[in-house]
Amino acid sequence: MPQRNIFSWNSIISVLTKLSYVDDAAKIFYSMPEGDQCSWNSIISRFAQQDRFDEALHYFVRMHRENFVLNEYSFCSVLSACYGLKDIKLGAQVHALISKTRFFSNVYTGLALVDMYEKCGNVSCGQKAFDYMSERNRVSWNSLITCYEQNDSASAALQVFLSMMDCGIEPDEITFSSMVSACVSLSAIKEGKQIHARVVKYNKLRDDLVLGNALVDMYAKCNKIKS
């Protein structure tokens, strides 16, 4: 029987993790003669995705201690574990580690940082992570808007939305839903109507169920249900 190479081992781990057999994948991982970056990332990612955050952190720490090169996949997975645990102290330590790598301004790593700080309630650090991104797409703008809106900073969320528009980034249903929610928090029916008017201009969003429900909820809570 031919001896398995690293690609064969990683393929087995990949199949097992995709089927959610994470413990079996971990056993295969431990039986490997030697893992590589892909092996480690697969294990860390799947444990985090299954809400087994402590185990994801355990493998991340081991990967780092054994001097394997960490990349954006490693960092994004461990950051999801940090916000799953609501452990902002550990998240900040990972952030400090990222700042020493070439992934510090990476859009995907930056997005994971904003999400982590949003879930942990630290909007100022979320803003800093956003500011350091070398490029910003709609997803990253939406993430920052959500960071403010979900942490009782609706006015700031509206300002970020205006900045997003000024930068020529086209909003989507997620953007508008967050903005409608911010208007509800502020009882800002005037701004809410302006958001509604923008939605009407986007034909593809007119029939969006989630956005439609958000608008109805806004008018109801602002006592303007007949609007």
Protein backbone atom coordinates (compact mmCIF):
# COMPACT_ATOMS: atom_id res chain seq x y z
CA MET A 1 0.00 0.00 0.00
CA PRO A 2 1.53 3.35 -1.00
CA GLN A 3 2.48 5.69 1.81
CA ARG A 4 0.22 8.70 2.28
CA ASN A 5 1.69 12.11 1.57
CA ILE A 6 0.67 15.40 3.18
CA PHE A 7 -1.92 16.07 0.47
CA SER A 8 -3.63 12.74 1.15
CA TRP A 9 -3.76 13.42 4.88
CA ASN A 10 -5.15 16.89 4.33
CA SER A 11 -7.77 15.57 1.92
CA ILE A 12 -9.02 13.13 4.56
CA ILE A 13 -9.15 15.87 7.18
CA SER A 14 -10.99 18.16 4.75
CA VAL A 15 -13.63 15.54 3.97
CA LEU A 16 -14.17 14.69 7.65
CA THR A 17 -14.47 18.32 8.73
CA LYS A 18 -16.93 19.10 5.92
CA LEU A 19 -19.05 16.19 7.15
CA SER A 20 -18.78 17.66 10.69
CA TYR A 21 -16.75 14.68 11.97
CA VAL A 22 -14.40 17.04 13.74
CA ASP A 23 -13.27 14.66 16.46
CA ASP A 24 -12.40 12.03 13.86
CA ALA A 25 -10.54 14.69 11.87
CA ALA A 26 -8.60 15.61 15.02
CA LYS A 27 -7.61 11.96 15.51
CA ILE A 28 -6.33 11.83 11.93
CA PHE A 29 -4.50 15.10 12.53
CA TYR A 30 -2.72 13.69 15.58
CA SER A 31 -1.75 10.52 13.67
CA MET A 32 -0.11 12.49 10.83
CA PRO A 33 3.69 12.23 10.68
CA GLU A 34 3.76 15.99 10.26
CA GLY A 35 1.05 18.60 9.62
CA ASP A 36 1.29 21.74 7.56
CA GLN A 37 -0.41 25.12 7.49
CA CYS A 38 -3.43 23.70 5.67
CA SER A 39 -3.90 20.91 8.25
CA TRP A 40 -3.82 23.32 11.17
CA ASN A 41 -6.16 25.82 9.53
CA SER A 42 -8.72 23.12 8.68
CA ILE A 43 -8.89 21.93 12.28
CA ILE A 44 -9.01 25.44 13.79
CA SER A 45 -11.66 26.61 11.34
CA ARG A 46 -14.00 23.67 11.82
CA PHE A 47 -13.83 23.73 15.62
CA ALA A 48 -14.67 27.45 15.51
CA GLN A 49 -17.54 26.89 13.06
CA GLN A 50 -19.03 24.26 15.36
CA ASP A 51 -18.91 26.68 18.32
CA ARG A 52 -16.18 24.67 20.01
CA PHE A 53 -14.25 27.84 20.60
CA ASP A 54 -11.90 26.69 23.38
CA GLU A 55 -10.66 23.84 21.21
CA ALA A 56 -10.18 26.17 18.24
CA LEU A 57 -8.07 28.43 20.46
CA HIS A 58 -6.10 25.45 21.74
CA TYR A 59 -5.09 24.44 18.21
CA PHE A 60 -4.31 28.02 17.23
CA VAL A 61 -1.96 28.43 20.20
CA ARG A 62 -0.28 25.13 19.39
CA MET A 63 0.12 26.11 15.75
CA HIS A 64 1.78 29.37 16.77
CA ARG A 65 4.03 27.73 19.36
CA GLU A 66 5.19 25.14 16.86
CA ASN A 67 6.24 27.97 14.54
CA PHE A 68 3.86 27.29 11.70
CA VAL A 69 3.19 30.36 9.57
CA LEU A 70 -0.13 31.98 10.47
CA ASN A 71 -2.15 33.46 7.62
CA GLU A 72 -5.48 35.25 7.17
CA TYR A 73 -7.38 31.97 7.50
CA SER A 74 -5.71 31.22 10.83
CA PHE A 75 -6.47 34.69 12.15
CA CYS A 76 -10.06 34.87 10.90
CA SER A 77 -10.89 31.51 12.47
CA VAL A 78 -9.38 32.34 15.85
CA LEU A 79 -11.05 35.76 15.90
CA SER A 80 -14.41 34.08 15.36
CA ALA A 81 -13.60 31.93 18.40
CA CYS A 82 -12.75 35.05 20.41
CA TYR A 83 -16.05 36.73 19.69
CA GLY A 84 -17.86 33.44 20.23
CA LEU A 85 -16.42 33.47 23.75
CA LYS A 86 -16.92 37.26 24.06
CA ASP A 87 -13.26 37.36 25.12
CA ILE A 88 -12.11 40.81 24.04
CA LYS A 89 -8.86 40.53 25.98
CA LEU A 90 -7.83 37.49 23.99
CA GLY A 91 -9.12 39.12 20.81
CA ALA A 92 -6.93 42.15 21.47
CA GLN A 93 -3.92 39.85 21.91
CA VAL A 94 -4.64 38.25 18.55
CA HIS A 95 -5.02 41.77 17.09
CA ALA A 96 -1.58 42.65 18.45
CA LEU A 97 -0.17 39.52 16.85
CA ILE A 98 -1.79 40.39 13.52
CA SER A 99 -0.29 43.90 13.68
CA LYS A 100 3.17 42.33 13.41
CA THR A 101 2.31 40.54 10.16
CA ARG A 102 1.61 41.52 6.56
CA PHE A 103 -2.06 40.71 7.15
CA PHE A 104 -2.59 43.79 9.33
CA SER A 105 -4.24 45.76 6.51
CA ASN A 106 -5.81 42.73 4.81
CA VAL A 107 -9.51 43.30 4.13
CA TYR A 108 -10.54 39.83 5.34
CA THR A 109 -8.54 40.02 8.54
CA GLY A 110 -9.79 43.57 9.08
CA LEU A 111 -13.37 42.41 8.61
CA ALA A 112 -12.87 39.64 11.17
CA LEU A 113 -11.46 42.18 13.62
CA VAL A 114 -14.41 44.55 13.15
CA ASP A 115 -16.82 41.65 13.68
CA MET A 116 -14.96 40.54 16.81
CA TYR A 117 -15.00 44.02 18.34
CA GLU A 118 -18.66 44.46 17.40
CA LYS A 119 -19.64 41.23 19.18
CA CYS A 120 -17.52 42.26 22.20
CA GLY A 121 -18.97 45.79 22.30
CA ASN A 122 -15.85 47.82 21.56
CA VAL A 123 -16.77 50.14 18.68
CA SER A 124 -13.68 52.35 18.92
CA CYS A 125 -11.35 49.41 18.29
CA GLY A 126 -13.68 48.22 15.54
CA GLN A 127 -13.34 51.62 13.89
CA LYS A 128 -9.53 51.47 14.15
CA ALA A 129 -9.47 48.02 12.54
CA PHE A 130 -11.62 49.37 9.72
CA ASP A 131 -9.38 52.42 9.26
CA TYR A 132 -6.31 50.21 8.82
CA MET A 133 -7.82 48.22 5.93
CA SER A 134 -5.89 48.82 2.73
CA GLU A 135 -9.12 48.57 0.77
CA ARG A 136 -12.76 48.58 1.82
CA ASN A 137 -15.62 46.84 0.11
CA ARG A 138 -19.35 46.80 0.77
CA VAL A 139 -19.04 43.95 3.24
CA SER A 140 -16.51 45.84 5.37
CA TRP A 141 -18.65 49.00 5.34
CA ASN A 142 -21.69 46.98 6.35
CA SER A 143 -19.71 45.39 9.14
CA LEU A 144 -18.71 48.78 10.55
CA ILE A 145 -22.28 50.07 10.29
CA THR A 146 -23.51 47.00 12.16
CA CYS A 147 -20.76 47.47 14.75
CA TYR A 148 -22.15 50.88 15.64
CA GLU A 149 -25.83 50.04 15.24
CA GLN A 150 -25.63 46.96 17.44
CA ASN A 151 -23.80 48.83 20.18
CA ASP A 152 -26.23 51.71 20.77
CA SER A 153 -24.41 54.13 18.48
CA ALA A 154 -27.13 54.63 15.88
CA SER A 155 -26.09 58.21 15.09
CA ALA A 156 -22.57 57.06 14.30
CA ALA A 157 -24.00 54.25 12.14
CA LEU A 158 -25.86 56.86 10.07
CA GLN A 159 -22.66 58.87 9.65
CA VAL A 160 -20.79 55.77 8.46
CA PHE A 161 -23.60 55.13 5.96
CA LEU A 162 -23.21 58.65 4.56
CA SER A 163 -19.44 58.15 4.29
CA MET A 164 -20.05 54.87 2.49
CA MET A 165 -22.27 56.63 -0.03
CA ASP A 166 -19.71 59.42 -0.47
CA CYS A 167 -17.11 56.78 -1.34
CA GLY A 168 -19.34 55.47 -4.11
CA ILE A 169 -20.07 52.10 -2.46
CA GLU A 170 -23.52 50.85 -3.44
CA PRO A 171 -25.61 49.76 -0.43
CA ASP A 172 -27.48 46.47 -0.32
CA GLU A 173 -30.34 45.01 1.72
CA ILE A 174 -28.03 44.47 4.70
CA THR A 175 -26.96 48.12 4.63
CA PHE A 176 -30.53 49.39 4.43
CA SER A 177 -31.80 47.00 7.12
CA SER A 178 -29.14 48.27 9.52
CA MET A 179 -30.00 51.87 8.64
CA VAL A 180 -33.70 51.30 9.22
CA SER A 181 -32.89 49.75 12.59
CA ALA A 182 -30.73 52.77 13.44
CA CYS A 183 -33.61 55.11 12.54
CA VAL A 184 -35.89 53.14 14.88
CA SER A 185 -33.38 53.53 17.71
CA LEU A 186 -33.28 57.28 17.13
CA SER A 187 -37.02 57.61 16.43
CA ALA A 188 -35.77 59.38 13.30
CA ILE A 189 -38.76 58.99 11.00
CA LYS A 190 -37.53 61.71 8.63
CA GLU A 191 -34.24 59.89 8.00
CA GLY A 192 -36.14 56.60 7.86
CA LYS A 193 -38.33 57.91 5.06
CA GLN A 194 -35.22 59.04 3.22
CA ILE A 195 -33.80 55.53 3.54
CA HIS A 196 -37.13 54.13 2.29
CA ALA A 197 -36.96 56.46 -0.72
CA ARG A 198 -33.47 55.16 -1.52
CA VAL A 199 -34.72 51.57 -1.29
CA VAL A 200 -37.47 52.31 -3.80
CA LYS A 201 -34.81 53.40 -6.32
CA TYR A 202 -33.23 49.94 -6.15
CA ASN A 203 -35.63 47.67 -8.03
CA LYS A 204 -33.91 44.50 -6.86
CA LEU A 205 -34.52 45.44 -3.22
CA ARG A 206 -38.19 46.38 -3.41
CA ASP A 207 -39.39 42.84 -2.78
CA ASP A 208 -36.80 41.91 -0.16
CA LEU A 209 -38.78 40.36 2.70
CA VAL A 210 -36.35 41.15 5.53
CA LEU A 211 -35.96 44.75 4.44
CA GLY A 212 -39.71 45.13 3.95
CA ASN A 213 -40.36 43.84 7.46
CA ALA A 214 -37.74 46.22 8.85
CA LEU A 215 -39.48 49.17 7.19
CA VAL A 216 -42.90 48.13 8.51
CA ASP A 217 -41.40 47.75 11.98
CA MET A 218 -39.87 51.24 11.73
CA TYR A 219 -43.16 52.90 10.77
CA ALA A 220 -45.01 50.98 13.50
CA LYS A 221 -42.56 51.96 16.23
CA CYS A 222 -42.57 55.57 15.05
CA ASN A 223 -46.40 55.55 15.04
CA LYS A 224 -46.46 56.15 11.30
CA ILE A 225 -47.89 52.83 10.18
CA LYS A 226 -50.18 54.53 7.63
CA SER A 227 -47.16 56.04 5.90
